[in-house]
Amino acid sequence: QSQLVESGGDSVQPGGSLRLSCAASGISFSVYALAWYRQAPGKERELVARVRANHRLDYSDSVQGRFTISRDNAKKEVYLQMNNLKPEDTAVYYCNAVLENRSNWGQGTQVTVTS
């Protein structure tokens, strides 16, 4: 059974940093595209960053230059390093693993940026 478990969410001040982690099990991790999405209250879930199986990276315009996604296939983990956090980054962050028509989601981890 596939499972994704996020961790690392917290409450930080603007300008602060956080590192989110997502541990996967039950999937052939290295062949999956991995992504972080986020959903703020009253808004749709949006793509934040993605790292494909070939390690190609994609970022949303709103986080480009501040966030870095990475993966460790040996550990079956994907990370999101978030720097210079802004209040508008406040959301529940979800890990996603996709292969063809198979999509797996974690339960989410809350990130709150507030002074």
Protein backbone atom coordinates (compact mmCIF):
# COMPACT_ATOMS: atom_id res chain seq x y z
CA GLN A 1 0.00 0.00 0.00
CA SER A 2 1.41 3.36 -1.02
CA GLN A 3 1.87 6.06 1.59
CA LEU A 4 3.30 9.56 1.68
CA VAL A 5 3.98 11.23 5.02
CA GLU A 6 4.89 14.90 5.24
CA SER A 7 6.67 16.57 8.12
CA GLY A 8 8.38 19.86 8.92
CA GLY A 9 5.47 22.27 8.93
CA ASP A 10 5.58 24.98 11.56
CA SER A 11 4.80 28.59 12.33
CA VAL A 12 7.57 31.06 11.40
CA GLN A 13 8.05 34.77 11.04
CA PRO A 14 8.30 36.46 7.65
CA GLY A 15 11.77 36.05 6.23
CA GLY A 16 12.25 32.75 8.01
CA SER A 17 13.00 29.32 6.59
CA LEU A 18 11.53 25.85 6.82
CA ARG A 19 12.38 22.50 5.33
CA LEU A 20 9.55 20.12 4.55
CA SER A 21 10.13 16.41 4.13
CA CYS A 22 7.99 13.70 2.60
CA ALA A 23 8.73 10.04 3.17
CA ALA A 24 7.31 7.54 0.70
CA SER A 25 6.61 3.85 1.00
CA GLY A 26 4.94 1.26 -1.17
CA ILE A 27 5.92 2.81 -4.50
CA SER A 28 8.83 2.48 -6.92
CA PHE A 29 10.00 5.89 -5.81
CA SER A 30 12.71 6.59 -8.36
CA VAL A 31 10.38 6.45 -11.38
CA TYR A 32 7.77 8.80 -9.95
CA ALA A 33 7.49 12.52 -10.51
CA LEU A 34 7.34 14.16 -7.10
CA ALA A 35 5.76 17.47 -6.28
CA TRP A 36 4.73 19.80 -3.52
CA TYR A 37 1.35 21.48 -3.69
CA ARG A 38 -0.24 23.89 -1.28
CA GLN A 39 -3.73 24.97 -0.42
CA ALA A 40 -4.56 28.15 1.45
CA PRO A 41 -7.96 28.70 3.10
CA GLY A 42 -10.58 29.49 0.50
CA LYS A 43 -8.23 28.84 -2.40
CA GLU A 44 -7.63 25.99 -4.81
CA ARG A 45 -4.71 23.63 -4.40
CA GLU A 46 -1.77 24.85 -6.46
CA LEU A 47 1.50 23.39 -7.64
CA VAL A 48 4.52 24.78 -5.80
CA ALA A 49 7.40 22.74 -7.17
CA ARG A 50 8.05 19.47 -9.00
CA VAL A 51 11.03 17.23 -9.58
CA ARG A 52 10.59 14.65 -12.29
CA ALA A 53 12.19 11.21 -12.46
CA ASN A 54 14.84 12.67 -14.77
CA HIS A 55 15.46 15.38 -12.11
CA ARG A 56 14.01 18.17 -14.23
CA LEU A 57 12.68 20.90 -11.92
CA ASP A 58 9.61 23.12 -12.17
CA TYR A 59 8.62 25.96 -9.85
CA SER A 60 5.65 28.25 -9.62
CA ASP A 61 6.46 31.88 -10.30
CA SER A 62 5.51 32.81 -6.74
CA VAL A 63 8.26 30.67 -5.17
CA GLN A 64 10.94 30.74 -7.87
CA GLY A 65 14.25 31.74 -6.29
CA ARG A 66 13.03 31.17 -2.71
CA PHE A 67 12.09 27.49 -2.62
CA THR A 68 14.15 24.47 -3.65
CA ILE A 69 12.80 20.98 -4.24
CA SER A 70 15.05 17.93 -4.07
CA ARG A 71 14.74 14.19 -3.90
CA ASP A 72 16.73 11.35 -2.39
CA ASN A 73 15.83 8.16 -4.20
CA ALA A 74 17.85 6.00 -1.82
CA LYS A 75 15.89 7.29 1.17
CA LYS A 76 12.62 7.57 -0.77
CA GLU A 77 12.21 11.13 0.39
CA VAL A 78 11.45 14.46 -1.24
CA TYR A 79 12.19 17.80 0.35
CA LEU A 80 11.13 21.40 0.01
CA GLN A 81 13.54 24.00 1.33
CA MET A 82 11.65 27.24 1.81
CA ASN A 83 13.56 30.46 2.37
CA ASN A 84 12.47 34.07 2.76
CA LEU A 85 8.97 32.96 3.67
CA LYS A 86 6.12 35.41 3.22
CA PRO A 87 2.67 35.54 4.82
CA GLU A 88 1.18 34.54 1.48
CA ASP A 89 3.06 31.23 1.73
CA THR A 90 0.73 30.24 4.58
CA ALA A 91 -1.05 27.04 3.55
CA VAL A 92 -1.28 23.32 4.01
CA TYR A 93 1.51 21.76 1.96
CA TYR A 94 0.92 18.39 0.32
CA CYS A 95 3.35 15.90 -1.13
CA ASN A 96 2.35 14.23 -4.41
CA ALA A 97 3.83 11.31 -6.33
CA VAL A 98 2.68 10.66 -9.89
CA LEU A 99 3.41 7.93 -12.39
CA GLU A 100 1.25 7.80 -15.52
CA ASN A 101 -2.33 7.60 -14.19
CA ARG A 102 -1.33 6.83 -10.61
CA SER A 103 -1.36 9.73 -8.19
CA ASN A 104 -0.60 9.52 -4.48
CA TRP A 105 -1.10 12.23 -1.88
CA GLY A 106 0.08 12.80 1.65
CA GLN A 107 -2.09 14.12 4.45
CA GLY A 108 -0.51 17.58 4.42
CA THR A 109 1.52 19.68 6.80
CA GLN A 110 0.62 23.19 7.93
CA VAL A 111 2.94 26.11 7.25
CA THR A 112 2.03 29.42 8.86
CA VAL A 113 4.00 32.60 8.22
CA THR A 114 3.04 35.36 10.61
CA SER A 115 4.60 38.08 12.69
